[in-house]
Amino acid sequence: MTKLRACGGVPLADAVKGREIAGAIISASVPDPSYNMKMDVAICAAGVFYTEDGGRSWQPRNCGTRADFLPDRHPELGQCVHKLLPAADGTRLYQQNHCDAHWKDFSRGWRDSAHMIR
């Protein structure tokens, strides 16, 4: 079995800086429909990670999301993502976590979308 690695090949458990991850459950994966080597993956208690090389390396993609339950409310890692969905036209991703709902296009960080869905 291949272990999910993040941050330039660092094992996921090390990338979250000693925080215990209850099973590191992958809650969603969104492959890029135009290039199957690219994918966003949501991991409970860790956040969203992105690969361009079919999973050999991973980068955290959590800029702009909140984790109100952590001392640092905007950490690079530690969000608990429940849902990760692509827009119908493939230009955006949407996520729902403990603290809010967010969207992002593929060139920017996450933006709060709660005002859009209330």
N, C-alpha and C. Protein backbone atom coordinates (compact mmCIF):
# COMPACT_ATOMS: atom_id res chain seq x y z
N MET A 1 0.84 -1.18 0.00
CA MET A 1 0.00 0.00 0.00
C MET A 1 0.88 1.24 0.00
N THR A 2 0.53 2.22 -0.81
CA THR A 2 1.27 3.48 -0.89
C THR A 2 0.79 4.42 0.19
N LYS A 3 1.72 5.00 0.95
CA LYS A 3 1.35 5.97 1.96
C LYS A 3 1.24 7.34 1.33
N LEU A 4 0.20 8.08 1.72
CA LEU A 4 0.04 9.44 1.24
C LEU A 4 1.14 10.29 1.84
N ARG A 5 1.84 11.00 0.99
CA ARG A 5 2.93 11.85 1.45
C ARG A 5 2.63 13.29 1.05
N ALA A 6 3.09 14.21 1.86
CA ALA A 6 2.83 15.63 1.61
C ALA A 6 4.11 16.40 1.78
N CYS A 7 4.09 17.65 1.37
CA CYS A 7 5.20 18.58 1.62
C CYS A 7 6.52 18.05 1.09
N GLY A 8 6.61 17.79 -0.18
CA GLY A 8 7.86 17.37 -0.79
C GLY A 8 8.34 16.00 -0.35
N GLY A 9 7.44 15.08 -0.12
CA GLY A 9 7.82 13.72 0.22
C GLY A 9 7.83 13.43 1.70
N VAL A 10 7.48 14.38 2.54
CA VAL A 10 7.42 14.13 3.98
C VAL A 10 6.15 13.34 4.26
N PRO A 11 6.23 12.27 5.08
CA PRO A 11 5.02 11.52 5.39
C PRO A 11 3.96 12.44 6.01
N LEU A 12 2.71 12.16 5.72
CA LEU A 12 1.62 13.00 6.20
C LEU A 12 1.67 13.19 7.71
N ALA A 13 1.94 12.13 8.46
CA ALA A 13 1.98 12.25 9.93
C ALA A 13 3.03 13.27 10.38
N ASP A 14 4.17 13.34 9.68
CA ASP A 14 5.19 14.32 10.02
C ASP A 14 4.78 15.72 9.57
N ALA A 15 4.07 15.80 8.47
CA ALA A 15 3.68 17.10 7.92
C ALA A 15 2.73 17.85 8.84
N VAL A 16 1.96 17.16 9.64
CA VAL A 16 1.02 17.83 10.53
C VAL A 16 1.66 18.14 11.88
N LYS A 17 2.98 18.02 11.94
CA LYS A 17 3.78 18.48 13.07
C LYS A 17 3.36 17.86 14.40
N GLY A 18 3.27 16.54 14.44
CA GLY A 18 3.02 15.83 15.68
C GLY A 18 1.57 15.69 16.08
N ARG A 19 0.66 16.34 15.38
CA ARG A 19 -0.76 16.17 15.71
C ARG A 19 -1.17 14.76 15.33
N GLU A 20 -1.92 14.12 16.18
CA GLU A 20 -2.43 12.80 15.84
C GLU A 20 -3.60 12.96 14.88
N ILE A 21 -3.61 12.14 13.87
CA ILE A 21 -4.69 12.14 12.89
C ILE A 21 -5.44 10.83 13.05
N ALA A 22 -6.69 10.91 13.40
CA ALA A 22 -7.49 9.71 13.65
C ALA A 22 -7.73 8.96 12.34
N GLY A 23 -6.78 8.15 11.94
CA GLY A 23 -6.93 7.33 10.75
C GLY A 23 -6.63 8.01 9.44
N ALA A 24 -6.40 9.31 9.42
CA ALA A 24 -6.13 10.07 8.19
C ALA A 24 -7.09 9.63 7.09
N ILE A 25 -8.37 9.79 7.34
CA ILE A 25 -9.41 9.33 6.43
C ILE A 25 -9.54 10.27 5.24
N ILE A 26 -9.44 9.72 4.05
CA ILE A 26 -9.67 10.51 2.84
C ILE A 26 -11.18 10.65 2.68
N SER A 27 -11.66 11.89 2.81
CA SER A 27 -13.11 12.11 2.73
C SER A 27 -13.58 12.38 1.31
N ALA A 28 -12.68 12.80 0.42
CA ALA A 28 -13.07 13.05 -0.97
C ALA A 28 -11.83 13.15 -1.84
N SER A 29 -11.98 12.81 -3.10
CA SER A 29 -10.92 13.04 -4.08
C SER A 29 -11.57 13.59 -5.34
N VAL A 30 -10.90 14.57 -5.94
CA VAL A 30 -11.42 15.21 -7.14
C VAL A 30 -10.31 15.20 -8.20
N PRO A 31 -10.36 14.22 -9.13
CA PRO A 31 -9.37 14.20 -10.20
C PRO A 31 -9.63 15.30 -11.22
N ASP A 32 -8.58 15.77 -11.84
CA ASP A 32 -8.70 16.78 -12.90
C ASP A 32 -9.20 16.05 -14.16
N PRO A 33 -10.35 16.44 -14.70
CA PRO A 33 -10.88 15.72 -15.86
C PRO A 33 -10.03 15.86 -17.12
N SER A 34 -9.17 16.88 -17.17
CA SER A 34 -8.37 17.08 -18.37
C SER A 34 -6.99 16.41 -18.28
N TYR A 35 -6.57 16.02 -17.07
CA TYR A 35 -5.24 15.42 -16.92
C TYR A 35 -5.26 14.53 -15.70
N ASN A 36 -5.26 13.22 -15.89
CA ASN A 36 -5.48 12.30 -14.79
C ASN A 36 -4.34 12.20 -13.78
N MET A 37 -3.24 12.88 -13.98
CA MET A 37 -2.15 12.88 -13.00
C MET A 37 -2.37 13.93 -11.92
N LYS A 38 -3.33 14.86 -12.13
CA LYS A 38 -3.62 15.92 -11.17
C LYS A 38 -4.86 15.54 -10.36
N MET A 39 -4.80 15.84 -9.04
CA MET A 39 -5.92 15.49 -8.19
C MET A 39 -5.86 16.31 -6.90
N ASP A 40 -7.02 16.70 -6.40
CA ASP A 40 -7.16 17.27 -5.07
C ASP A 40 -7.77 16.20 -4.19
N VAL A 41 -7.26 16.07 -2.96
CA VAL A 41 -7.75 15.08 -2.02
C VAL A 41 -8.02 15.79 -0.70
N ALA A 42 -9.17 15.49 -0.09
CA ALA A 42 -9.52 16.04 1.22
C ALA A 42 -9.31 14.96 2.27
N ILE A 43 -8.61 15.32 3.35
CA ILE A 43 -8.31 14.37 4.42
C ILE A 43 -8.84 14.93 5.73
N CYS A 44 -9.68 14.14 6.40
CA CYS A 44 -10.21 14.56 7.69
C CYS A 44 -9.06 14.85 8.65
N ALA A 45 -9.14 15.96 9.35
CA ALA A 45 -8.16 16.41 10.35
C ALA A 45 -6.81 16.81 9.76
N ALA A 46 -6.74 16.98 8.44
CA ALA A 46 -5.48 17.41 7.82
C ALA A 46 -5.70 18.53 6.82
N GLY A 47 -6.72 18.42 5.95
CA GLY A 47 -7.01 19.46 4.97
C GLY A 47 -7.04 18.93 3.56
N VAL A 48 -6.83 19.84 2.60
CA VAL A 48 -6.83 19.50 1.19
C VAL A 48 -5.39 19.45 0.70
N PHE A 49 -5.09 18.43 -0.08
CA PHE A 49 -3.76 18.24 -0.66
C PHE A 49 -3.90 18.07 -2.16
N TYR A 50 -2.86 18.47 -2.89
CA TYR A 50 -2.88 18.47 -4.36
C TYR A 50 -1.66 17.75 -4.90
N THR A 51 -1.87 16.97 -5.96
CA THR A 51 -0.77 16.33 -6.66
C THR A 51 -0.89 16.62 -8.15
N GLU A 52 0.27 16.79 -8.79
CA GLU A 52 0.33 16.95 -10.25
C GLU A 52 1.01 15.75 -10.90
N ASP A 53 1.52 14.83 -10.06
CA ASP A 53 2.32 13.72 -10.59
C ASP A 53 1.75 12.35 -10.21
N GLY A 54 0.45 12.27 -10.14
CA GLY A 54 -0.19 10.99 -9.88
C GLY A 54 0.00 10.48 -8.47
N GLY A 55 0.34 11.33 -7.53
CA GLY A 55 0.46 10.94 -6.13
C GLY A 55 1.87 10.73 -5.62
N ARG A 56 2.88 10.95 -6.45
CA ARG A 56 4.26 10.81 -5.96
C ARG A 56 4.61 11.91 -4.97
N SER A 57 4.08 13.11 -5.17
CA SER A 57 4.30 14.21 -4.22
C SER A 57 2.99 14.96 -4.02
N TRP A 58 2.86 15.57 -2.87
CA TRP A 58 1.63 16.26 -2.49
C TRP A 58 1.97 17.61 -1.89
N GLN A 59 1.13 18.60 -2.14
CA GLN A 59 1.27 19.92 -1.51
C GLN A 59 -0.03 20.25 -0.80
N PRO A 60 0.07 20.83 0.42
CA PRO A 60 -1.15 21.26 1.11
C PRO A 60 -1.78 22.43 0.35
N ARG A 61 -3.08 22.47 0.30
CA ARG A 61 -3.83 23.53 -0.38
C ARG A 61 -4.93 24.02 0.56
N ASN A 62 -4.54 24.73 1.63
CA ASN A 62 -5.49 25.16 2.65
C ASN A 62 -5.48 26.65 2.91
N CYS A 63 -4.74 27.41 2.14
CA CYS A 63 -4.65 28.86 2.33
C CYS A 63 -6.04 29.49 2.22
N GLY A 64 -6.43 30.22 3.26
CA GLY A 64 -7.72 30.90 3.24
C GLY A 64 -8.82 30.20 3.99
N THR A 65 -8.60 28.96 4.43
CA THR A 65 -9.61 28.26 5.21
C THR A 65 -9.33 28.45 6.70
N ARG A 66 -10.36 28.25 7.52
CA ARG A 66 -10.23 28.43 8.96
C ARG A 66 -10.34 27.11 9.69
N ALA A 67 -9.67 27.08 10.85
CA ALA A 67 -9.79 25.97 11.80
C ALA A 67 -9.94 26.61 13.17
N ASP A 68 -11.15 27.06 13.50
CA ASP A 68 -11.40 27.80 14.74
C ASP A 68 -11.05 27.01 16.00
N PHE A 69 -10.96 25.69 15.90
CA PHE A 69 -10.69 24.84 17.05
C PHE A 69 -9.20 24.68 17.34
N LEU A 70 -8.33 25.27 16.50
CA LEU A 70 -6.89 25.21 16.71
C LEU A 70 -6.37 26.56 17.19
N PRO A 71 -5.22 26.57 17.90
CA PRO A 71 -4.65 27.84 18.34
C PRO A 71 -4.38 28.82 17.19
N ASP A 72 -3.87 28.32 16.08
CA ASP A 72 -3.68 29.12 14.87
C ASP A 72 -4.94 28.90 14.02
N ARG A 73 -5.77 29.90 13.88
CA ARG A 73 -7.06 29.76 13.18
C ARG A 73 -6.90 29.59 11.68
N HIS A 74 -5.74 29.87 11.12
CA HIS A 74 -5.50 29.74 9.67
C HIS A 74 -4.23 28.92 9.42
N PRO A 75 -4.21 27.67 9.87
CA PRO A 75 -2.99 26.87 9.70
C PRO A 75 -2.85 26.34 8.27
N GLU A 76 -1.64 25.97 7.94
CA GLU A 76 -1.40 25.34 6.64
C GLU A 76 -2.01 23.93 6.63
N LEU A 77 -2.02 23.29 7.78
CA LEU A 77 -2.54 21.93 7.93
C LEU A 77 -3.41 21.85 9.17
N GLY A 78 -4.41 20.98 9.16
CA GLY A 78 -5.22 20.73 10.34
C GLY A 78 -6.71 20.94 10.15
N GLN A 79 -7.15 21.39 8.99
CA GLN A 79 -8.57 21.55 8.74
C GLN A 79 -9.23 20.18 8.63
N CYS A 80 -10.48 20.13 9.01
CA CYS A 80 -11.23 18.87 8.91
C CYS A 80 -12.25 19.02 7.79
N VAL A 81 -11.87 18.61 6.61
CA VAL A 81 -12.70 18.79 5.41
C VAL A 81 -13.70 17.64 5.32
N HIS A 82 -14.97 17.98 5.22
CA HIS A 82 -16.03 16.98 5.13
C HIS A 82 -16.44 16.71 3.69
N LYS A 83 -16.49 17.76 2.89
CA LYS A 83 -16.90 17.63 1.49
C LYS A 83 -15.94 18.40 0.61
N LEU A 84 -15.66 17.87 -0.55
CA LEU A 84 -14.86 18.53 -1.58
C LEU A 84 -15.50 18.18 -2.91
N LEU A 85 -16.00 19.21 -3.60
CA LEU A 85 -16.75 18.98 -4.83
C LEU A 85 -16.29 19.92 -5.93
N PRO A 86 -16.23 19.42 -7.15
CA PRO A 86 -15.91 20.32 -8.27
C PRO A 86 -17.17 21.02 -8.76
N ALA A 87 -17.01 22.22 -9.30
CA ALA A 87 -18.12 22.89 -9.97
C ALA A 87 -18.45 22.12 -11.24
N ALA A 88 -19.67 22.24 -11.70
CA ALA A 88 -20.10 21.51 -12.90
C ALA A 88 -19.23 21.81 -14.11
N ASP A 89 -18.76 23.07 -14.22
CA ASP A 89 -17.95 23.43 -15.38
C ASP A 89 -16.45 23.19 -15.15
N GLY A 90 -16.07 22.68 -13.98
CA GLY A 90 -14.67 22.35 -13.72
C GLY A 90 -13.76 23.52 -13.40
N THR A 91 -14.31 24.70 -13.20
CA THR A 91 -13.46 25.88 -12.97
C THR A 91 -13.21 26.19 -11.50
N ARG A 92 -13.94 25.54 -10.61
CA ARG A 92 -13.81 25.80 -9.18
C ARG A 92 -13.92 24.51 -8.39
N LEU A 93 -13.43 24.59 -7.15
CA LEU A 93 -13.67 23.55 -6.16
C LEU A 93 -14.44 24.18 -5.01
N TYR A 94 -15.28 23.39 -4.39
CA TYR A 94 -16.00 23.82 -3.20
C TYR A 94 -15.66 22.85 -2.08
N GLN A 95 -15.51 23.40 -0.87
CA GLN A 95 -15.29 22.53 0.27
C GLN A 95 -16.14 22.99 1.44
N GLN A 96 -16.51 22.03 2.27
CA GLN A 96 -17.21 22.31 3.52
C GLN A 96 -16.39 21.66 4.61
N ASN A 97 -16.08 22.45 5.65
CA ASN A 97 -15.34 21.91 6.79
C ASN A 97 -16.06 22.28 8.08
N HIS A 98 -15.43 22.03 9.22
CA HIS A 98 -16.07 22.32 10.50
C HIS A 98 -16.48 23.79 10.64
N CYS A 99 -15.75 24.69 10.04
CA CYS A 99 -15.92 26.11 10.31
C CYS A 99 -16.65 26.88 9.24
N ASP A 100 -16.74 26.38 8.04
CA ASP A 100 -17.36 27.18 6.99
C ASP A 100 -17.43 26.40 5.69
N ALA A 101 -17.91 27.07 4.66
CA ALA A 101 -17.87 26.56 3.30
C ALA A 101 -16.99 27.51 2.51
N HIS A 102 -16.19 26.97 1.59
CA HIS A 102 -15.24 27.77 0.83
C HIS A 102 -15.27 27.35 -0.63
N TRP A 103 -14.78 28.23 -1.48
CA TRP A 103 -14.58 27.90 -2.89
C TRP A 103 -13.22 28.42 -3.31
N LYS A 104 -12.70 27.85 -4.38
CA LYS A 104 -11.46 28.36 -4.97
C LYS A 104 -11.44 28.02 -6.45
N ASP A 105 -10.84 28.92 -7.22
CA ASP A 105 -10.55 28.55 -8.59
C ASP A 105 -9.14 27.96 -8.55
N PHE A 106 -8.58 27.64 -9.65
CA PHE A 106 -7.32 26.90 -9.61
C PHE A 106 -6.09 27.79 -9.59
N SER A 107 -6.28 29.11 -9.42
CA SER A 107 -5.12 29.99 -9.36
C SER A 107 -5.04 30.75 -8.04
N ARG A 108 -5.96 30.54 -7.15
CA ARG A 108 -6.01 31.30 -5.90
C ARG A 108 -6.25 30.39 -4.71
N GLY A 109 -6.14 31.00 -3.51
CA GLY A 109 -6.47 30.27 -2.29
C GLY A 109 -7.99 30.21 -2.10
N TRP A 110 -8.41 29.57 -1.04
CA TRP A 110 -9.82 29.41 -0.73
C TRP A 110 -10.44 30.73 -0.32
N ARG A 111 -11.71 30.89 -0.64
CA ARG A 111 -12.49 32.07 -0.24
C ARG A 111 -13.74 31.59 0.48
N ASP A 112 -14.14 32.35 1.48
CA ASP A 112 -15.34 32.04 2.24
C ASP A 112 -16.57 32.14 1.34
N SER A 113 -17.36 31.09 1.27
CA SER A 113 -18.55 31.15 0.43
C SER A 113 -19.84 31.08 1.24
N ALA A 114 -19.73 31.19 2.56
CA ALA A 114 -20.93 31.07 3.38
C ALA A 114 -21.97 32.11 3.01
N HIS A 115 -21.54 33.31 2.68
CA HIS A 115 -22.49 34.35 2.30
C HIS A 115 -23.23 34.01 1.01
N MET A 116 -22.64 33.15 0.18
CA MET A 116 -23.27 32.78 -1.09
C MET A 116 -24.37 31.73 -0.89
N ILE A 117 -24.28 30.95 0.20
CA ILE A 117 -25.22 29.84 0.36
C ILE A 117 -26.21 30.03 1.50
N ARG A 118 -26.18 31.17 2.15
CA ARG A 118 -27.12 31.40 3.26
C ARG A 118 -28.46 31.81 2.72
